[in-house]
Amino acid sequence: MPVKIDPSLHIEKKPSWIRVKLPTNPVFWDTKDMIQDLNLVTVCEEAQCPNRWECWEQGTATLMIAGDRCTRACGFCAVDTRKPMPLEADEPDRVAEAVKRMNLNHVVITAVARDDLPDGGACHFANVIYKVREVNPDTVIEVLVPDFIGKDDALWVVMEAEPRIFNHNLETVERLTPVVRSKAEYWRSLKVLKRAREMANEMGYRCATKSGIMLGLGESEPELLNAMDDLRDHDVTVLTLGQYLRPSPKYLPVVEYVLPATFDRYKEIALEKGFRHVASGPLVRSSYHAADFKPELDPLA
């Protein structure tokens, strides 16, 4: 029987700890202008990230490549779902220029799912990585990728480009995956994470693997802890835990607003399970304060 989330369980009023600071720093507007000038897309805006004001005020942004139209329609995600446009050949140059202008020590590069392409956009990902490294050789490159429908050859192309951190989000617990993540599979995502590390080892370089889970969709604590165990069993060493926030009424309902103290407790549990770095809090997202993790200090990365 298909898993369903009862929309009547939705909690309309946000608690006091879900607060977003509006921009006051001129750096925010400089960052916004630069992104528009280079005709780039950010997941910050497309996914309505609650931290975009803070991150942009710090001059950082998570750059989203391969367009702003996703071929999937996940129940939690505000990114546009329509037939994608063709890939832009000059996008790697524009991303590299953005990283240079922002003088980033750490950049997160993500993309919409491009199931319309034979390689899922893997070659485009690799081209962006190569160009960013060419222009910014000292920048730590983190990629946040789709699952490429489990295609090893596509994943190999990305890993050949040698990202320093490989991120693919599990998003939710196994039971809720069918309703939360369109076309995705829980165990396939875990396999992608494990294969990424294996490929990096085969190629002779170190790469940390990272994943994120949203809370408040109706998962139980035992299910969450099992998901943590599954991630560790697949050699994931970096974890993010954040509160699911409903973009609009057409998306999945918020079943629970998890207390900040509970997020703190989950962080301690995750560290005890062997994760090397954990970011856990109501407004935490995959790329929030991503540079706080130093892969060069992690012997397992």
Protein backbone atom coordinates (compact mmCIF):
# COMPACT_ATOMS: atom_id res chain seq x y z
CA MET A 1 0.00 0.00 0.00
CA PRO A 2 1.42 3.45 -0.93
CA VAL A 3 2.61 5.60 1.96
CA LYS A 4 0.61 8.80 2.41
CA ILE A 5 0.97 11.80 4.68
CA ASP A 6 -2.34 13.04 6.03
CA PRO A 7 -2.60 16.77 5.11
CA SER A 8 -4.86 17.31 8.12
CA LEU A 9 -1.79 16.81 10.30
CA HIS A 10 -0.22 20.00 8.97
CA ILE A 11 0.72 22.59 11.59
CA GLU A 12 0.05 26.04 10.13
CA LYS A 13 1.70 28.28 12.71
CA LYS A 14 5.49 28.32 12.84
CA PRO A 15 7.03 28.21 16.32
CA SER A 16 9.06 31.06 17.73
CA TRP A 17 12.41 29.41 16.93
CA ILE A 18 11.69 29.45 13.18
CA ARG A 19 12.75 33.00 12.48
CA VAL A 20 14.41 34.40 9.38
CA LYS A 21 16.52 37.54 9.54
CA LEU A 22 15.90 39.98 6.69
CA PRO A 23 18.94 41.43 4.89
CA THR A 24 20.58 44.60 6.19
CA ASN A 25 24.16 44.18 5.00
CA PRO A 26 25.01 45.70 1.59
CA VAL A 27 27.03 42.55 0.82
CA PHE A 28 23.69 40.78 0.37
CA TRP A 29 22.73 43.10 -2.48
CA ASP A 30 26.23 42.94 -3.99
CA THR A 31 25.99 39.15 -4.06
CA LYS A 32 22.53 39.28 -5.59
CA ASP A 33 23.70 41.73 -8.27
CA MET A 34 26.74 39.59 -9.09
CA ILE A 35 24.61 36.45 -9.50
CA GLN A 36 22.24 38.31 -11.81
CA ASP A 37 25.14 39.83 -13.73
CA LEU A 38 26.58 36.38 -14.46
CA ASN A 39 23.13 34.95 -15.23
CA LEU A 40 23.47 32.22 -12.61
CA VAL A 41 20.89 30.25 -10.65
CA THR A 42 21.15 29.56 -6.93
CA VAL A 43 19.39 26.86 -4.98
CA CYS A 44 19.12 29.50 -2.26
CA GLU A 45 16.33 31.21 -4.19
CA GLU A 46 14.91 28.33 -6.21
CA ALA A 47 14.35 26.15 -3.12
CA GLN A 48 13.34 29.15 -0.96
CA CYS A 49 16.09 28.42 1.57
CA PRO A 50 15.39 30.21 4.88
CA ASN A 51 19.09 31.02 5.30
CA ARG A 52 19.64 32.82 2.02
CA TRP A 53 19.68 36.25 3.68
CA GLU A 54 22.40 35.21 6.14
CA CYS A 55 24.52 33.38 3.56
CA TRP A 56 24.33 36.14 0.98
CA GLU A 57 25.27 38.72 3.59
CA GLN A 58 28.42 36.66 4.08
CA GLY A 59 29.04 36.68 0.34
CA THR A 60 28.35 32.95 -0.13
CA ALA A 61 25.79 31.11 -2.22
CA THR A 62 25.11 27.58 -3.39
CA LEU A 63 25.25 27.64 -7.16
CA MET A 64 22.77 25.52 -9.09
CA ILE A 65 23.82 24.39 -12.54
CA ALA A 66 22.04 22.74 -15.48
CA GLY A 67 19.12 25.15 -15.41
CA ASP A 68 16.27 25.91 -13.03
CA ARG A 69 13.80 23.26 -14.22
CA CYS A 70 13.85 19.83 -12.60
CA THR A 71 12.61 16.62 -14.22
CA ARG A 72 11.26 15.39 -10.89
CA ALA A 73 8.46 16.70 -8.70
CA CYS A 74 9.45 15.90 -5.14
CA GLY A 75 6.78 16.57 -2.56
CA PHE A 76 8.94 18.92 -0.50
CA CYS A 77 10.83 20.93 -3.12
CA ALA A 78 9.93 24.35 -4.54
CA VAL A 79 12.22 24.08 -7.58
CA ASP A 80 10.29 24.46 -10.84
CA THR A 81 9.23 21.24 -12.59
CA ARG A 82 8.91 21.63 -16.34
CA LYS A 83 10.67 20.44 -19.48
CA PRO A 84 14.28 21.61 -18.99
CA MET A 85 16.11 23.94 -21.33
CA PRO A 86 19.32 22.85 -23.12
CA LEU A 87 22.55 23.00 -21.14
CA GLU A 88 24.55 26.22 -21.47
CA ALA A 89 28.09 25.64 -22.73
CA ASP A 90 29.47 28.75 -21.02
CA GLU A 91 28.00 27.98 -17.61
CA PRO A 92 31.24 26.45 -16.24
CA ASP A 93 33.05 29.72 -17.01
CA ARG A 94 30.35 31.80 -15.34
CA VAL A 95 30.35 29.63 -12.21
CA ALA A 96 34.15 29.81 -12.00
CA GLU A 97 33.98 33.59 -12.33
CA ALA A 98 31.39 33.79 -9.54
CA VAL A 99 33.61 31.77 -7.21
CA LYS A 100 36.51 34.07 -8.06
CA ARG A 101 34.52 37.27 -7.49
CA MET A 102 33.24 36.01 -4.11
CA ASN A 103 36.76 34.86 -3.20
CA LEU A 104 35.36 31.60 -1.85
CA ASN A 105 37.47 29.15 0.11
CA HIS A 106 34.62 26.62 -0.15
CA VAL A 107 31.97 26.37 -2.85
CA VAL A 108 28.89 24.15 -3.07
CA ILE A 109 27.72 23.26 -6.57
CA THR A 110 24.39 21.54 -7.01
CA ALA A 111 21.98 20.87 -9.86
CA VAL A 112 18.43 20.03 -10.71
CA ALA A 113 17.73 16.42 -11.66
CA ARG A 114 18.20 16.06 -15.42
CA ASP A 115 16.70 12.65 -16.14
CA ASP A 116 16.13 13.87 -19.70
CA LEU A 117 19.87 13.61 -20.41
CA PRO A 118 21.57 10.25 -21.03
CA ASP A 119 24.17 10.94 -18.33
CA GLY A 120 21.86 12.89 -16.02
CA GLY A 121 24.07 15.95 -16.46
CA ALA A 122 27.22 14.24 -15.11
CA CYS A 123 29.53 15.58 -17.83
CA HIS A 124 28.25 19.10 -17.21
CA PHE A 125 28.92 18.68 -13.48
CA ALA A 126 32.47 17.54 -14.26
CA ASN A 127 33.09 20.44 -16.64
CA VAL A 128 32.02 22.91 -13.94
CA ILE A 129 34.32 21.27 -11.38
CA TYR A 130 37.29 21.38 -13.78
CA LYS A 131 36.74 25.02 -14.66
CA VAL A 132 36.21 26.14 -11.05
CA ARG A 133 39.43 24.39 -10.03
CA GLU A 134 41.34 25.89 -12.97
CA VAL A 135 40.32 29.43 -12.04
CA ASN A 136 40.27 28.90 -8.25
CA PRO A 137 42.86 26.18 -7.45
CA ASP A 138 42.69 26.65 -3.68
CA THR A 139 38.89 26.48 -3.34
CA VAL A 140 37.39 23.38 -1.72
CA ILE A 141 34.77 22.06 -4.14
CA GLU A 142 31.68 20.36 -2.71
CA VAL A 143 29.09 18.89 -5.05
CA LEU A 144 25.48 18.13 -4.13
CA VAL A 145 24.27 15.77 -6.82
CA PRO A 146 21.11 13.89 -7.85
CA ASP A 147 21.22 10.10 -7.93
CA PHE A 148 21.80 9.81 -11.72
CA ILE A 149 19.18 7.01 -11.56
CA GLY A 150 21.91 4.85 -10.08
CA LYS A 151 24.10 4.88 -13.21
CA ASP A 152 27.66 4.01 -12.21
CA ASP A 153 29.13 5.40 -15.43
CA ALA A 154 27.57 8.81 -14.80
CA LEU A 155 28.77 8.85 -11.21
CA TRP A 156 32.26 7.87 -12.37
CA VAL A 157 32.41 10.96 -14.61
CA VAL A 158 31.70 13.24 -11.64
CA MET A 159 34.16 11.46 -9.37
CA GLU A 160 36.91 11.64 -12.01
CA ALA A 161 36.74 15.42 -11.64
CA GLU A 162 37.80 14.92 -7.98
CA PRO A 163 35.36 16.91 -5.87
CA ARG A 164 36.64 17.24 -2.31
CA ILE A 165 33.21 16.60 -0.75
CA PHE A 166 30.49 14.49 -2.35
CA ASN A 167 26.99 15.25 -1.08
CA HIS A 168 23.79 13.41 -1.94
CA ASN A 169 20.77 13.85 0.31
CA LEU A 170 18.81 10.94 1.70
CA GLU A 171 16.16 13.57 2.60
CA THR A 172 13.94 11.32 4.72
CA VAL A 173 13.55 7.88 6.29
CA GLU A 174 12.95 4.73 4.25
CA ARG A 175 9.19 4.51 4.91
CA LEU A 176 8.50 8.05 3.70
CA THR A 177 10.81 8.05 0.69
CA PRO A 178 8.16 7.06 -1.90
CA VAL A 179 5.92 10.02 -1.08
CA VAL A 180 8.64 12.57 -0.30
CA ARG A 181 11.10 11.94 -3.16
CA SER A 182 9.77 11.58 -6.69
CA LYS A 183 11.44 8.73 -8.64
CA ALA A 184 14.07 8.28 -5.92
CA GLU A 185 14.84 5.12 -3.98
CA TYR A 186 16.16 4.99 -0.43
CA TRP A 187 18.65 2.17 -0.98
CA ARG A 188 19.74 3.53 -4.35
CA SER A 189 20.72 6.80 -2.69
CA LEU A 190 22.74 4.91 -0.10
CA LYS A 191 24.47 2.95 -2.86
CA VAL A 192 25.35 6.18 -4.69
CA LEU A 193 27.00 7.54 -1.55
CA LYS A 194 29.00 4.35 -0.96
CA ARG A 195 30.06 4.03 -4.60
CA ALA A 196 31.25 7.64 -4.66
CA ARG A 197 33.71 6.97 -1.86
CA GLU A 198 34.77 3.67 -3.42
CA MET A 199 35.42 5.36 -6.74
CA ALA A 200 37.50 8.09 -5.12
CA ASN A 201 39.57 5.41 -3.40
CA GLU A 202 40.02 3.56 -6.69
CA MET A 203 41.18 6.79 -8.32
CA GLY A 204 43.64 7.43 -5.50
CA TYR A 205 42.26 10.55 -3.85
CA ARG A 206 40.36 11.36 -0.65
CA CYS A 207 36.75 12.49 -0.77
CA ALA A 208 34.38 13.01 2.15
CA THR A 209 30.80 11.83 1.68
CA LYS A 210 27.89 13.81 3.09
CA SER A 211 24.12 13.53 3.31
CA GLY A 212 21.15 15.37 4.77
CA ILE A 213 17.79 14.49 6.29
CA MET A 214 14.73 16.70 6.81
CA LEU A 215 12.74 16.29 10.00
CA GLY A 216 9.08 16.99 10.66
CA LEU A 217 7.56 14.96 7.84
CA GLY A 218 6.15 12.31 10.15
CA GLU A 219 9.21 10.17 10.75
CA SER A 220 9.62 8.44 14.11
CA GLU A 221 12.78 8.68 16.18
CA PRO A 222 13.64 4.98 15.67
CA GLU A 223 13.27 5.46 11.90
CA LEU A 224 15.61 8.45 11.99
CA LEU A 225 18.20 6.57 14.03
CA ASN A 226 17.98 3.66 11.59
CA ALA A 227 18.62 6.07 8.72
CA MET A 228 21.70 7.35 10.54
CA ASP A 229 22.92 3.76 10.91
CA ASP A 230 22.30 3.09 7.22
CA LEU A 231 24.34 6.16 6.27
CA ARG A 232 27.22 5.09 8.49
CA ASP A 233 27.03 1.56 7.07
CA HIS A 234 27.53 3.16 3.66
CA ASP A 235 30.60 5.13 4.82
CA VAL A 236 28.99 8.58 5.08
CA THR A 237 30.91 10.79 7.51
CA VAL A 238 29.16 14.19 7.32
CA LEU A 239 25.48 14.68 8.22
CA THR A 240 23.04 17.59 8.18
CA LEU A 241 19.69 17.55 9.98
CA GLY A 242 17.14 20.33 9.46
CA GLN A 243 13.47 21.15 9.80
CA TYR A 244 11.22 20.67 6.78
CA LEU A 245 9.40 23.91 5.95
CA ARG A 246 6.44 23.81 3.57
CA PRO A 247 7.05 26.11 0.57
CA SER A 248 3.31 26.51 -0.12
CA PRO A 249 0.03 24.65 0.44
CA LYS A 250 0.58 22.46 -2.64
CA TYR A 251 3.54 20.73 -0.99
CA LEU A 252 3.69 18.09 1.73
CA PRO A 253 2.42 19.23 5.14
CA VAL A 254 4.61 19.84 8.17
CA VAL A 255 3.64 17.13 10.65
CA GLU A 256 5.91 18.32 13.47
CA TYR A 257 8.16 21.23 14.36
CA VAL A 258 11.10 19.58 16.07
CA LEU A 259 12.41 21.34 19.16
CA PRO A 260 15.91 22.89 19.01
CA ALA A 261 16.88 20.77 22.03
CA THR A 262 15.89 17.65 20.12
CA PHE A 263 18.10 18.69 17.22
CA ASP A 264 20.95 19.10 19.72
CA ARG A 265 20.32 15.62 21.08
CA TYR A 266 20.25 14.12 17.60
CA LYS A 267 23.61 15.75 16.89
CA GLU A 268 25.15 14.07 19.92
CA ILE A 269 23.66 10.72 18.91
CA ALA A 270 25.01 11.10 15.36
CA LEU A 271 28.49 11.91 16.63
CA GLU A 272 28.35 8.85 18.89
CA LYS A 273 27.46 6.77 15.83
CA GLY A 274 30.70 7.85 14.17
CA PHE A 275 29.86 10.83 11.98
CA ARG A 276 32.88 13.15 11.83
CA HIS A 277 30.87 16.35 11.44
CA VAL A 278 27.19 17.04 12.14
CA ALA A 279 25.16 20.21 11.58
CA SER A 280 21.78 19.90 13.27
CA GLY A 281 19.19 22.60 13.84
CA PRO A 282 15.79 23.89 12.68
CA LEU A 283 17.22 26.10 9.91
CA VAL A 284 20.12 23.86 8.90
CA ARG A 285 20.24 22.97 5.21
CA SER A 286 22.69 20.87 3.18
CA SER A 287 24.99 23.76 2.35
CA TYR A 288 24.43 25.88 5.47
CA HIS A 289 27.86 26.79 6.89
CA ALA A 290 29.28 24.04 4.67
CA ALA A 291 32.79 25.41 5.09
CA ASP A 292 32.68 24.61 8.82
CA PHE A 293 33.62 21.05 7.88
CA LYS A 294 37.34 20.85 7.12
CA PRO A 295 37.95 17.72 5.05
CA GLU A 296 41.70 18.15 5.32
CA LEU A 297 41.39 17.59 9.08
CA ASP A 298 39.29 14.44 8.72
CA PRO A 299 41.44 11.27 8.53
CA LEU A 300 38.48 9.36 7.10
CA ALA A 301 37.75 11.85 4.29
